[in-house]
Amino acid sequence: MILKGSQRGNGQNLAAHLLNVSDNEHVRLHELRGFVSEDLHGAFHEVEAISRGTRCRQYLFSLSLSLRDFQHQHTAAGSRGAA
């Protein structure tokens, strides 16, 4: 499993990227909590509005997960164990 984290601003671009099903293999918003908005774009608007009251320019943290190798190894190990 590969994890890649980054700080960033411009939440609307990040929301569009995260929800872009043509570039991402699998897109699912698991949970959105603590916001008035019920969608990702609206929630990121709220976070951006809060950040304007501070000097923070990179107000978001994103984490990318690459599970391909991890899933393949896990499936292969499970197959050997069942045999």
PDB file of N, CA and C in Angstrom:
ATOM      1  N   MET A   1       0.852  -1.157   0.000  1.00  0.00           N
ATOM      2  CA  MET A   1       0.000   0.000   0.000  1.00  0.00           C
ATOM      3  C   MET A   1       0.904   1.229   0.000  1.00  0.00           C
ATOM      4  N   ILE A   2       0.592   2.183  -0.862  1.00  0.00           N
ATOM      5  CA  ILE A   2       1.360   3.415  -0.956  1.00  0.00           C
ATOM      6  C   ILE A   2       0.470   4.565  -0.518  1.00  0.00           C
ATOM      7  N   LEU A   3       0.967   5.383   0.415  1.00  0.00           N
ATOM      8  CA  LEU A   3       0.248   6.553   0.902  1.00  0.00           C
ATOM      9  C   LEU A   3       1.005   7.796   0.473  1.00  0.00           C
ATOM     10  N   LYS A   4       0.269   8.787  -0.046  1.00  0.00           N
ATOM     11  CA  LYS A   4       0.888  10.047  -0.440  1.00  0.00           C
ATOM     12  C   LYS A   4       0.021  11.183   0.082  1.00  0.00           C
ATOM     13  N   GLY A   5       0.567  12.003   0.969  1.00  0.00           N
ATOM     14  CA  GLY A   5      -0.178  13.112   1.549  1.00  0.00           C
ATOM     15  C   GLY A   5       0.350  14.442   1.058  1.00  0.00           C
ATOM     16  N   SER A   6      -0.530  15.438   0.997  1.00  0.00           N
ATOM     17  CA  SER A   6      -0.106  16.777   0.603  1.00  0.00           C
ATOM     18  C   SER A   6      -1.045  17.831   1.174  1.00  0.00           C
ATOM     19  N   GLN A   7      -0.460  18.997   1.476  1.00  0.00           N
ATOM     20  CA  GLN A   7      -1.241  20.150   1.893  1.00  0.00           C
ATOM     21  C   GLN A   7      -1.608  20.927   0.644  1.00  0.00           C
ATOM     22  N   ARG A   8      -2.779  21.542   0.653  1.00  0.00           N
ATOM     23  CA  ARG A   8      -3.189  22.296  -0.526  1.00  0.00           C
ATOM     24  C   ARG A   8      -4.280  23.290  -0.203  1.00  0.00           C
ATOM     25  N   GLY A   9      -4.427  24.236  -1.083  1.00  0.00           N
ATOM     26  CA  GLY A   9      -5.528  25.187  -1.057  1.00  0.00           C
ATOM     27  C   GLY A   9      -6.427  24.876  -2.239  1.00  0.00           C
ATOM     28  N   ASN A  10      -7.237  25.815  -2.645  1.00  0.00           N
ATOM     29  CA  ASN A  10      -8.128  25.677  -3.799  1.00  0.00           C
ATOM     30  C   ASN A  10      -8.965  24.401  -3.716  1.00  0.00           C
ATOM     31  N   GLY A  11      -9.851  24.392  -2.765  1.00  0.00           N
ATOM     32  CA  GLY A  11     -10.689  23.230  -2.507  1.00  0.00           C
ATOM     33  C   GLY A  11     -11.593  22.834  -3.652  1.00  0.00           C
ATOM     34  N   GLN A  12     -12.006  23.798  -4.474  1.00  0.00           N
ATOM     35  CA  GLN A  12     -12.903  23.459  -5.579  1.00  0.00           C
ATOM     36  C   GLN A  12     -12.201  22.607  -6.627  1.00  0.00           C
ATOM     37  N   ASN A  13     -10.934  22.906  -6.883  1.00  0.00           N
ATOM     38  CA  ASN A  13     -10.175  22.058  -7.810  1.00  0.00           C
ATOM     39  C   ASN A  13      -9.978  20.658  -7.234  1.00  0.00           C
ATOM     40  N   LEU A  14      -9.698  20.581  -5.942  1.00  0.00           N
ATOM     41  CA  LEU A  14      -9.519  19.273  -5.308  1.00  0.00           C
ATOM     42  C   LEU A  14     -10.819  18.478  -5.325  1.00  0.00           C
ATOM     43  N   ALA A  15     -11.937  19.130  -5.032  1.00  0.00           N
ATOM     44  CA  ALA A  15     -13.232  18.437  -5.054  1.00  0.00           C
ATOM     45  C   ALA A  15     -13.531  17.903  -6.451  1.00  0.00           C
ATOM     46  N   ALA A  16     -13.290  18.729  -7.473  1.00  0.00           N
ATOM     47  CA  ALA A  16     -13.529  18.285  -8.850  1.00  0.00           C
ATOM     48  C   ALA A  16     -12.632  17.099  -9.195  1.00  0.00           C
ATOM     49  N   HIS A  17     -11.374  17.158  -8.777  1.00  0.00           N
ATOM     50  CA  HIS A  17     -10.444  16.052  -9.047  1.00  0.00           C
ATOM     51  C   HIS A  17     -10.875  14.772  -8.323  1.00  0.00           C
ATOM     52  N   LEU A  18     -11.239  14.899  -7.063  1.00  0.00           N
ATOM     53  CA  LEU A  18     -11.612  13.717  -6.288  1.00  0.00           C
ATOM     54  C   LEU A  18     -12.864  13.033  -6.825  1.00  0.00           C
ATOM     55  N   LEU A  19     -13.787  13.817  -7.351  1.00  0.00           N
ATOM     56  CA  LEU A  19     -15.051  13.258  -7.839  1.00  0.00           C
ATOM     57  C   LEU A  19     -15.025  12.921  -9.325  1.00  0.00           C
ATOM     58  N   ASN A  20     -13.885  13.079  -9.979  1.00  0.00           N
ATOM     59  CA  ASN A  20     -13.749  12.842 -11.412  1.00  0.00           C
ATOM     60  C   ASN A  20     -13.614  11.342 -11.679  1.00  0.00           C
ATOM     61  N   VAL A  21     -14.684  10.727 -12.135  1.00  0.00           N
ATOM     62  CA  VAL A  21     -14.671   9.276 -12.349  1.00  0.00           C
ATOM     63  C   VAL A  21     -13.890   8.863 -13.592  1.00  0.00           C
ATOM     64  N   SER A  22     -13.619   9.786 -14.509  1.00  0.00           N
ATOM     65  CA  SER A  22     -12.861   9.399 -15.698  1.00  0.00           C
ATOM     66  C   SER A  22     -11.365   9.270 -15.394  1.00  0.00           C
ATOM     67  N   ASP A  23     -10.849  10.012 -14.408  1.00  0.00           N
ATOM     68  CA  ASP A  23      -9.431   9.921 -14.047  1.00  0.00           C
ATOM     69  C   ASP A  23      -9.171   8.970 -12.883  1.00  0.00           C
ATOM     70  N   ASN A  24     -10.165   8.744 -12.059  1.00  0.00           N
ATOM     71  CA  ASN A  24      -9.997   7.907 -10.876  1.00  0.00           C
ATOM     72  C   ASN A  24     -10.687   6.567 -11.090  1.00  0.00           C
ATOM     73  N   GLU A  25     -10.022   5.519 -10.698  1.00  0.00           N
ATOM     74  CA  GLU A  25     -10.550   4.173 -10.899  1.00  0.00           C
ATOM     75  C   GLU A  25     -11.814   3.926 -10.085  1.00  0.00           C
ATOM     76  N   HIS A  26     -11.832   4.444  -8.874  1.00  0.00           N
ATOM     77  CA  HIS A  26     -12.966   4.201  -7.980  1.00  0.00           C
ATOM     78  C   HIS A  26     -13.201   5.460  -7.155  1.00  0.00           C
ATOM     79  N   VAL A  27     -14.414   5.986  -7.195  1.00  0.00           N
ATOM     80  CA  VAL A  27     -14.745   7.194  -6.438  1.00  0.00           C
ATOM     81  C   VAL A  27     -15.934   6.899  -5.545  1.00  0.00           C
ATOM     82  N   ARG A  28     -15.728   7.139  -4.231  1.00  0.00           N
ATOM     83  CA  ARG A  28     -16.832   6.980  -3.287  1.00  0.00           C
ATOM     84  C   ARG A  28     -16.594   7.930  -2.126  1.00  0.00           C
ATOM     85  N   LEU A  29     -17.571   8.764  -1.851  1.00  0.00           N
ATOM     86  CA  LEU A  29     -17.507   9.636  -0.689  1.00  0.00           C
ATOM     87  C   LEU A  29     -18.080   8.853   0.476  1.00  0.00           C
ATOM     88  N   HIS A  30     -17.210   8.437   1.366  1.00  0.00           N
ATOM     89  CA  HIS A  30     -17.614   7.558   2.468  1.00  0.00           C
ATOM     90  C   HIS A  30     -18.416   8.312   3.519  1.00  0.00           C
ATOM     91  N   GLU A  31     -17.935   9.473   3.937  1.00  0.00           N
ATOM     92  CA  GLU A  31     -18.616  10.208   4.995  1.00  0.00           C
ATOM     93  C   GLU A  31     -18.243  11.681   4.899  1.00  0.00           C
ATOM     94  N   LEU A  32     -19.204  12.540   5.158  1.00  0.00           N
ATOM     95  CA  LEU A  32     -18.986  13.983   5.192  1.00  0.00           C
ATOM     96  C   LEU A  32     -19.662  14.477   6.454  1.00  0.00           C
ATOM     97  N   ARG A  33     -18.857  14.848   7.442  1.00  0.00           N
ATOM     98  CA  ARG A  33     -19.403  15.189   8.751  1.00  0.00           C
ATOM     99  C   ARG A  33     -18.855  16.536   9.218  1.00  0.00           C
ATOM    100  N   GLY A  34     -19.690  17.309   9.922  1.00  0.00           N
ATOM    101  CA  GLY A  34     -19.250  18.571  10.497  1.00  0.00           C
ATOM    102  C   GLY A  34     -19.431  19.769   9.589  1.00  0.00           C
ATOM    103  N   PHE A  35     -20.198  19.605   8.519  1.00  0.00           N
ATOM    104  CA  PHE A  35     -20.440  20.688   7.575  1.00  0.00           C
ATOM    105  C   PHE A  35     -21.937  20.910   7.422  1.00  0.00           C
ATOM    106  N   VAL A  36     -22.316  22.128   7.050  1.00  0.00           N
ATOM    107  CA  VAL A  36     -23.715  22.404   6.740  1.00  0.00           C
ATOM    108  C   VAL A  36     -24.063  21.749   5.407  1.00  0.00           C
ATOM    109  N   SER A  37     -23.142  21.843   4.467  1.00  0.00           N
ATOM    110  CA  SER A  37     -23.350  21.281   3.134  1.00  0.00           C
ATOM    111  C   SER A  37     -23.366  19.756   3.177  1.00  0.00           C
ATOM    112  N   GLU A  38     -24.070  19.180   2.238  1.00  0.00           N
ATOM    113  CA  GLU A  38     -24.139  17.724   2.141  1.00  0.00           C
ATOM    114  C   GLU A  38     -23.345  17.174   0.963  1.00  0.00           C
ATOM    115  N   ASP A  39     -22.607  18.053   0.263  1.00  0.00           N
ATOM    116  CA  ASP A  39     -21.768  17.577  -0.831  1.00  0.00           C
ATOM    117  C   ASP A  39     -20.345  18.112  -0.664  1.00  0.00           C
ATOM    118  N   LEU A  40     -19.413  17.520  -1.381  1.00  0.00           N
ATOM    119  CA  LEU A  40     -17.998  17.832  -1.213  1.00  0.00           C
ATOM    120  C   LEU A  40     -17.667  19.259  -1.631  1.00  0.00           C
ATOM    121  N   HIS A  41     -18.228  19.722  -2.745  1.00  0.00           N
ATOM    122  CA  HIS A  41     -17.964  21.092  -3.192  1.00  0.00           C
ATOM    123  C   HIS A  41     -18.418  22.100  -2.140  1.00  0.00           C
ATOM    124  N   GLY A  42     -19.601  21.912  -1.607  1.00  0.00           N
ATOM    125  CA  GLY A  42     -20.118  22.819  -0.586  1.00  0.00           C
ATOM    126  C   GLY A  42     -19.284  22.792   0.685  1.00  0.00           C
ATOM    127  N   ALA A  43     -18.873  21.606   1.101  1.00  0.00           N
ATOM    128  CA  ALA A  43     -18.043  21.479   2.305  1.00  0.00           C
ATOM    129  C   ALA A  43     -16.706  22.193   2.116  1.00  0.00           C
ATOM    130  N   PHE A  44     -16.115  22.064   0.937  1.00  0.00           N
ATOM    131  CA  PHE A  44     -14.839  22.736   0.688  1.00  0.00           C
ATOM    132  C   PHE A  44     -15.020  24.246   0.603  1.00  0.00           C
ATOM    133  N   HIS A  45     -16.185  24.719   0.139  1.00  0.00           N
ATOM    134  CA  HIS A  45     -16.481  26.160   0.183  1.00  0.00           C
ATOM    135  C   HIS A  45     -16.485  26.642   1.629  1.00  0.00           C
ATOM    136  N   GLU A  46     -17.083  25.867   2.510  1.00  0.00           N
ATOM    137  CA  GLU A  46     -17.129  26.229   3.933  1.00  0.00           C
ATOM    138  C   GLU A  46     -15.725  26.308   4.525  1.00  0.00           C
ATOM    139  N   VAL A  47     -14.893  25.334   4.221  1.00  0.00           N
ATOM    140  CA  VAL A  47     -13.524  25.320   4.741  1.00  0.00           C
ATOM    141  C   VAL A  47     -12.742  26.513   4.201  1.00  0.00           C
ATOM    142  N   GLU A  48     -12.936  26.832   2.928  1.00  0.00           N
ATOM    143  CA  GLU A  48     -12.253  27.982   2.335  1.00  0.00           C
ATOM    144  C   GLU A  48     -12.691  29.278   3.014  1.00  0.00           C
ATOM    145  N   ALA A  49     -13.979  29.414   3.292  1.00  0.00           N
ATOM    146  CA  ALA A  49     -14.489  30.615   3.964  1.00  0.00           C
ATOM    147  C   ALA A  49     -13.868  30.762   5.353  1.00  0.00           C
ATOM    148  N   ILE A  50     -13.744  29.672   6.072  1.00  0.00           N
ATOM    149  CA  ILE A  50     -13.122  29.717   7.403  1.00  0.00           C
ATOM    150  C   ILE A  50     -11.648  30.106   7.286  1.00  0.00           C
ATOM    151  N   SER A  51     -10.960  29.590   6.273  1.00  0.00           N
ATOM    152  CA  SER A  51      -9.530  29.873   6.121  1.00  0.00           C
ATOM    153  C   SER A  51      -9.274  31.341   5.798  1.00  0.00           C
ATOM    154  N   ARG A  52     -10.236  32.022   5.216  1.00  0.00           N
ATOM    155  CA  ARG A  52     -10.057  33.444   4.892  1.00  0.00           C
ATOM    156  C   ARG A  52      -9.891  34.298   6.141  1.00  0.00           C
ATOM    157  N   GLY A  53     -10.362  33.821   7.271  1.00  0.00           N
ATOM    158  CA  GLY A  53     -10.197  34.547   8.526  1.00  0.00           C
ATOM    159  C   GLY A  53      -8.826  34.338   9.152  1.00  0.00           C
ATOM    160  N   THR A  54      -7.989  33.552   8.515  1.00  0.00           N
ATOM    161  CA  THR A  54      -6.640  33.267   9.013  1.00  0.00           C
ATOM    162  C   THR A  54      -5.636  33.593   7.918  1.00  0.00           C
ATOM    163  N   ARG A  55      -4.393  33.328   8.166  1.00  0.00           N
ATOM    164  CA  ARG A  55      -3.359  33.512   7.140  1.00  0.00           C
ATOM    165  C   ARG A  55      -3.064  32.204   6.407  1.00  0.00           C
ATOM    166  N   CYS A  56      -3.854  31.212   6.661  1.00  0.00           N
ATOM    167  CA  CYS A  56      -3.630  29.894   6.081  1.00  0.00           C
ATOM    168  C   CYS A  56      -3.939  29.907   4.583  1.00  0.00           C
ATOM    169  N   ARG A  57      -2.993  29.447   3.775  1.00  0.00           N
ATOM    170  CA  ARG A  57      -3.216  29.352   2.331  1.00  0.00           C
ATOM    171  C   ARG A  57      -3.436  27.912   1.892  1.00  0.00           C
ATOM    172  N   GLN A  58      -2.866  26.987   2.603  1.00  0.00           N
ATOM    173  CA  GLN A  58      -3.039  25.564   2.292  1.00  0.00           C
ATOM    174  C   GLN A  58      -3.868  24.951   3.409  1.00  0.00           C
ATOM    175  N   TYR A  59      -5.155  25.094   3.297  1.00  0.00           N
ATOM    176  CA  TYR A  59      -6.085  24.770   4.379  1.00  0.00           C
ATOM    177  C   TYR A  59      -6.635  23.349   4.301  1.00  0.00           C
ATOM    178  N   LEU A  60      -6.209  22.578   3.327  1.00  0.00           N
ATOM    179  CA  LEU A  60      -6.677  21.198   3.186  1.00  0.00           C
ATOM    180  C   LEU A  60      -5.489  20.243   3.227  1.00  0.00           C
ATOM    181  N   PHE A  61      -5.747  19.031   3.670  1.00  0.00           N
ATOM    182  CA  PHE A  61      -4.753  17.959   3.605  1.00  0.00           C
ATOM    183  C   PHE A  61      -5.404  16.807   2.867  1.00  0.00           C
ATOM    184  N   SER A  62      -4.755  16.347   1.817  1.00  0.00           N
ATOM    185  CA  SER A  62      -5.310  15.214   1.073  1.00  0.00           C
ATOM    186  C   SER A  62      -4.369  14.020   1.191  1.00  0.00           C
ATOM    187  N   LEU A  63      -4.954  12.853   1.164  1.00  0.00           N
ATOM    188  CA  LEU A  63      -4.198  11.609   1.259  1.00  0.00           C
ATOM    189  C   LEU A  63      -4.635  10.689   0.131  1.00  0.00           C
ATOM    190  N   SER A  64      -3.682  10.293  -0.688  1.00  0.00           N
ATOM    191  CA  SER A  64      -3.952   9.357  -1.782  1.00  0.00           C
ATOM    192  C   SER A  64      -3.494   7.971  -1.364  1.00  0.00           C
ATOM    193  N   LEU A  65      -4.328   6.992  -1.640  1.00  0.00           N
ATOM    194  CA  LEU A  65      -4.018   5.601  -1.313  1.00  0.00           C
ATOM    195  C   LEU A  65      -3.894   4.800  -2.598  1.00  0.00           C
ATOM    196  N   SER A  66      -2.836   4.042  -2.723  1.00  0.00           N
ATOM    197  CA  SER A  66      -2.688   3.120  -3.841  1.00  0.00           C
ATOM    198  C   SER A  66      -2.740   1.715  -3.265  1.00  0.00           C
ATOM    199  N   LEU A  67      -3.838   1.025  -3.516  1.00  0.00           N
ATOM    200  CA  LEU A  67      -4.066  -0.288  -2.912  1.00  0.00           C
ATOM    201  C   LEU A  67      -3.802  -1.447  -3.861  1.00  0.00           C
ATOM    202  N   ARG A  68      -3.455  -1.186  -5.096  1.00  0.00           N
ATOM    203  CA  ARG A  68      -3.322  -2.263  -6.089  1.00  0.00           C
ATOM    204  C   ARG A  68      -2.397  -3.374  -5.626  1.00  0.00           C
ATOM    205  N   ASP A  69      -1.161  -3.040  -5.289  1.00  0.00           N
ATOM    206  CA  ASP A  69      -0.204  -4.070  -4.870  1.00  0.00           C
ATOM    207  C   ASP A  69      -0.661  -4.742  -3.588  1.00  0.00           C
ATOM    208  N   PHE A  70      -1.187  -3.963  -2.641  1.00  0.00           N
ATOM    209  CA  PHE A  70      -1.655  -4.503  -1.369  1.00  0.00           C
ATOM    210  C   PHE A  70      -2.790  -5.492  -1.600  1.00  0.00           C
ATOM    211  N   GLN A  71      -3.769  -5.129  -2.437  1.00  0.00           N
ATOM    212  CA  GLN A  71      -4.905  -6.012  -2.694  1.00  0.00           C
ATOM    213  C   GLN A  71      -4.449  -7.280  -3.395  1.00  0.00           C
ATOM    214  N   HIS A  72      -3.530  -7.150  -4.337  1.00  0.00           N
ATOM    215  CA  HIS A  72      -3.040  -8.321  -5.064  1.00  0.00           C
ATOM    216  C   HIS A  72      -2.334  -9.286  -4.109  1.00  0.00           C
ATOM    217  N   GLN A  73      -1.480  -8.768  -3.247  1.00  0.00           N
ATOM    218  CA  GLN A  73      -0.765  -9.617  -2.302  1.00  0.00           C
ATOM    219  C   GLN A  73      -1.730 -10.264  -1.319  1.00  0.00           C
ATOM    220  N   HIS A  74      -2.711  -9.490  -0.850  1.00  0.00           N
ATOM    221  CA  HIS A  74      -3.684 -10.009   0.108  1.00  0.00           C
ATOM    222  C   HIS A  74      -4.511 -11.133  -0.528  1.00  0.00           C
ATOM    223  N   THR A  75      -4.941 -10.932  -1.777  1.00  0.00           N
ATOM    224  CA  THR A  75      -5.737 -11.942  -2.475  1.00  0.00           C
ATOM    225  C   THR A  75      -4.904 -13.198  -2.722  1.00  0.00           C
ATOM    226  N   ALA A  76      -3.659 -13.022  -3.130  1.00  0.00           N
ATOM    227  CA  ALA A  76      -2.790 -14.174  -3.393  1.00  0.00           C
ATOM    228  C   ALA A  76      -2.532 -14.957  -2.109  1.00  0.00           C
ATOM    229  N   ALA A  77      -2.301 -14.269  -1.016  1.00  0.00           N
ATOM    230  CA  ALA A  77      -2.059 -14.950   0.261  1.00  0.00           C
ATOM    231  C   ALA A  77      -3.306 -15.702   0.706  1.00  0.00           C
ATOM    232  N   GLY A  78      -4.464 -15.105   0.501  1.00  0.00           N
ATOM    233  CA  GLY A  78      -5.713 -15.766   0.874  1.00  0.00           C
ATOM    234  C   GLY A  78      -5.959 -17.005   0.043  1.00  0.00           C
ATOM    235  N   SER A  79      -5.597 -16.961  -1.240  1.00  0.00           N
ATOM    236  CA  SER A  79      -5.772 -18.116  -2.117  1.00  0.00           C
ATOM    237  C   SER A  79      -4.861 -19.258  -1.697  1.00  0.00           C
ATOM    238  N   ARG A  80      -3.635 -18.944  -1.324  1.00  0.00           N
ATOM    239  CA  ARG A  80      -2.700 -19.986  -0.882  1.00  0.00           C
ATOM    240  C   ARG A  80      -3.167 -20.608   0.427  1.00  0.00           C
ATOM    241  N   GLY A  81      -3.708 -19.760   1.311  1.00  0.00           N
ATOM    242  CA  GLY A  81      -4.164 -20.268   2.603  1.00  0.00           C
ATOM    243  C   GLY A  81      -5.376 -21.172   2.480  1.00  0.00           C
ATOM    244  N   ALA A  82      -6.201 -20.949   1.466  1.00  0.00           N
ATOM    245  CA  ALA A  82      -7.418 -21.737   1.295  1.00  0.00           C
ATOM    246  C   ALA A  82      -7.143 -23.054   0.586  1.00  0.00           C
ATOM    247  N   ALA A  83      -6.003 -23.150  -0.093  1.00  0.00           N
ATOM    248  CA  ALA A  83      -5.706 -24.352  -0.876  1.00  0.00           C
ATOM    249  C   ALA A  83      -5.299 -25.518  -0.042  1.00  0.00           C
TER     250      ALA A  83
END
